[in-house]
Amino acid sequence: MRLLAPCCLALGYLDLVRGGLTAGPLLLVAGYLVLVPLALLEG
């Protein structure tokens, strides 16, 4: 989980820079609201 969160965030930002309007925001929301808290809880 600790590796998945930064990868998801990086892909989201890369997609936004590329001009994506759907996948980028979805990846960022999933990363910040789901994966980062899970990685923090996992310890």
N, C-alpha and C. Protein backbone atom coordinates (compact mmCIF):
# COMPACT_ATOMS: atom_id res chain seq x y z
N MET A 1 0.82 -1.19 0.00
CA MET A 1 0.00 0.00 0.00
C MET A 1 0.87 1.26 0.00
N ARG A 2 2.03 1.18 0.66
CA ARG A 2 2.89 2.35 0.73
C ARG A 2 3.46 2.73 -0.63
N LEU A 3 3.58 1.80 -1.52
CA LEU A 3 4.10 2.10 -2.86
C LEU A 3 2.98 2.50 -3.82
N LEU A 4 1.81 1.98 -3.56
CA LEU A 4 0.67 2.24 -4.45
C LEU A 4 0.19 3.68 -4.36
N ALA A 5 0.18 4.26 -3.16
CA ALA A 5 -0.32 5.63 -2.99
C ALA A 5 0.52 6.64 -3.78
N PRO A 6 1.86 6.68 -3.63
CA PRO A 6 2.61 7.67 -4.41
C PRO A 6 2.54 7.43 -5.92
N CYS A 7 2.45 6.18 -6.32
CA CYS A 7 2.33 5.89 -7.76
C CYS A 7 1.00 6.42 -8.30
N CYS A 8 -0.06 6.22 -7.55
CA CYS A 8 -1.37 6.70 -7.97
C CYS A 8 -1.38 8.22 -8.05
N LEU A 9 -0.78 8.89 -7.07
CA LEU A 9 -0.72 10.34 -7.09
C LEU A 9 0.13 10.85 -8.25
N ALA A 10 1.25 10.21 -8.49
CA ALA A 10 2.11 10.63 -9.60
C ALA A 10 1.40 10.46 -10.93
N LEU A 11 0.71 9.35 -11.11
CA LEU A 11 -0.02 9.13 -12.36
C LEU A 11 -1.14 10.16 -12.52
N GLY A 12 -1.79 10.51 -11.42
CA GLY A 12 -2.84 11.52 -11.47
C GLY A 12 -2.30 12.87 -11.90
N TYR A 13 -1.17 13.28 -11.31
CA TYR A 13 -0.58 14.56 -11.69
C TYR A 13 -0.07 14.54 -13.13
N LEU A 14 0.52 13.43 -13.53
CA LEU A 14 1.00 13.33 -14.92
C LEU A 14 -0.15 13.42 -15.91
N ASP A 15 -1.26 12.81 -15.56
CA ASP A 15 -2.42 12.88 -16.46
C ASP A 15 -2.98 14.30 -16.50
N LEU A 16 -2.98 15.00 -15.38
CA LEU A 16 -3.45 16.39 -15.39
C LEU A 16 -2.54 17.28 -16.23
N VAL A 17 -1.24 17.07 -16.12
CA VAL A 17 -0.30 17.86 -16.91
C VAL A 17 -0.51 17.59 -18.41
N ARG A 18 -0.83 16.35 -18.71
CA ARG A 18 -1.06 15.96 -20.10
C ARG A 18 -2.37 16.53 -20.63
N GLY A 19 -3.25 16.95 -19.73
CA GLY A 19 -4.52 17.55 -20.14
C GLY A 19 -5.72 16.66 -19.89
N GLY A 20 -5.53 15.58 -19.16
CA GLY A 20 -6.64 14.68 -18.87
C GLY A 20 -7.64 15.31 -17.91
N LEU A 21 -8.90 15.09 -18.16
CA LEU A 21 -9.94 15.67 -17.32
C LEU A 21 -10.72 14.63 -16.52
N THR A 22 -10.48 13.36 -16.76
CA THR A 22 -11.24 12.33 -16.05
C THR A 22 -10.35 11.45 -15.19
N ALA A 23 -9.37 10.82 -15.80
CA ALA A 23 -8.54 9.86 -15.07
C ALA A 23 -7.66 10.56 -14.03
N GLY A 24 -7.10 11.70 -14.37
CA GLY A 24 -6.22 12.42 -13.44
C GLY A 24 -6.91 12.77 -12.14
N PRO A 25 -8.03 13.47 -12.20
CA PRO A 25 -8.74 13.79 -10.96
C PRO A 25 -9.20 12.56 -10.18
N LEU A 26 -9.63 11.53 -10.89
CA LEU A 26 -10.06 10.31 -10.19
C LEU A 26 -8.89 9.65 -9.47
N LEU A 27 -7.73 9.62 -10.11
CA LEU A 27 -6.55 9.04 -9.47
C LEU A 27 -6.12 9.86 -8.26
N LEU A 28 -6.20 11.17 -8.36
CA LEU A 28 -5.81 12.03 -7.24
C LEU A 28 -6.78 11.88 -6.07
N VAL A 29 -8.06 11.83 -6.35
CA VAL A 29 -9.05 11.65 -5.28
C VAL A 29 -8.87 10.29 -4.62
N ALA A 30 -8.69 9.26 -5.43
CA ALA A 30 -8.49 7.92 -4.86
C ALA A 30 -7.20 7.88 -4.04
N GLY A 31 -6.17 8.55 -4.53
CA GLY A 31 -4.91 8.54 -3.81
C GLY A 31 -4.99 9.27 -2.49
N TYR A 32 -5.52 10.49 -2.51
CA TYR A 32 -5.54 11.31 -1.30
C TYR A 32 -6.59 10.87 -0.30
N LEU A 33 -7.74 10.40 -0.76
CA LEU A 33 -8.82 10.07 0.17
C LEU A 33 -8.86 8.61 0.59
N VAL A 34 -8.23 7.74 -0.17
CA VAL A 34 -8.30 6.30 0.15
C VAL A 34 -6.90 5.73 0.42
N LEU A 35 -6.01 5.85 -0.54
CA LEU A 35 -4.74 5.14 -0.44
C LEU A 35 -3.77 5.73 0.58
N VAL A 36 -3.69 7.05 0.66
CA VAL A 36 -2.78 7.66 1.64
C VAL A 36 -3.23 7.34 3.07
N PRO A 37 -4.52 7.52 3.42
CA PRO A 37 -4.92 7.12 4.78
C PRO A 37 -4.71 5.64 5.07
N LEU A 38 -4.95 4.79 4.08
CA LEU A 38 -4.71 3.36 4.30
C LEU A 38 -3.24 3.07 4.52
N ALA A 39 -2.38 3.75 3.80
CA ALA A 39 -0.94 3.55 3.98
C ALA A 39 -0.51 4.06 5.35
N LEU A 40 -1.10 5.15 5.82
CA LEU A 40 -0.75 5.66 7.14
C LEU A 40 -1.24 4.74 8.26
N LEU A 41 -2.45 4.19 8.08
CA LEU A 41 -2.99 3.26 9.08
C LEU A 41 -2.22 1.95 9.11
N GLU A 42 -1.71 1.56 7.94
CA GLU A 42 -0.96 0.32 7.86
C GLU A 42 0.34 0.38 8.65
N GLY A 43 0.87 1.59 8.75
CA GLY A 43 2.07 1.79 9.58
C GLY A 43 3.28 1.49 8.83
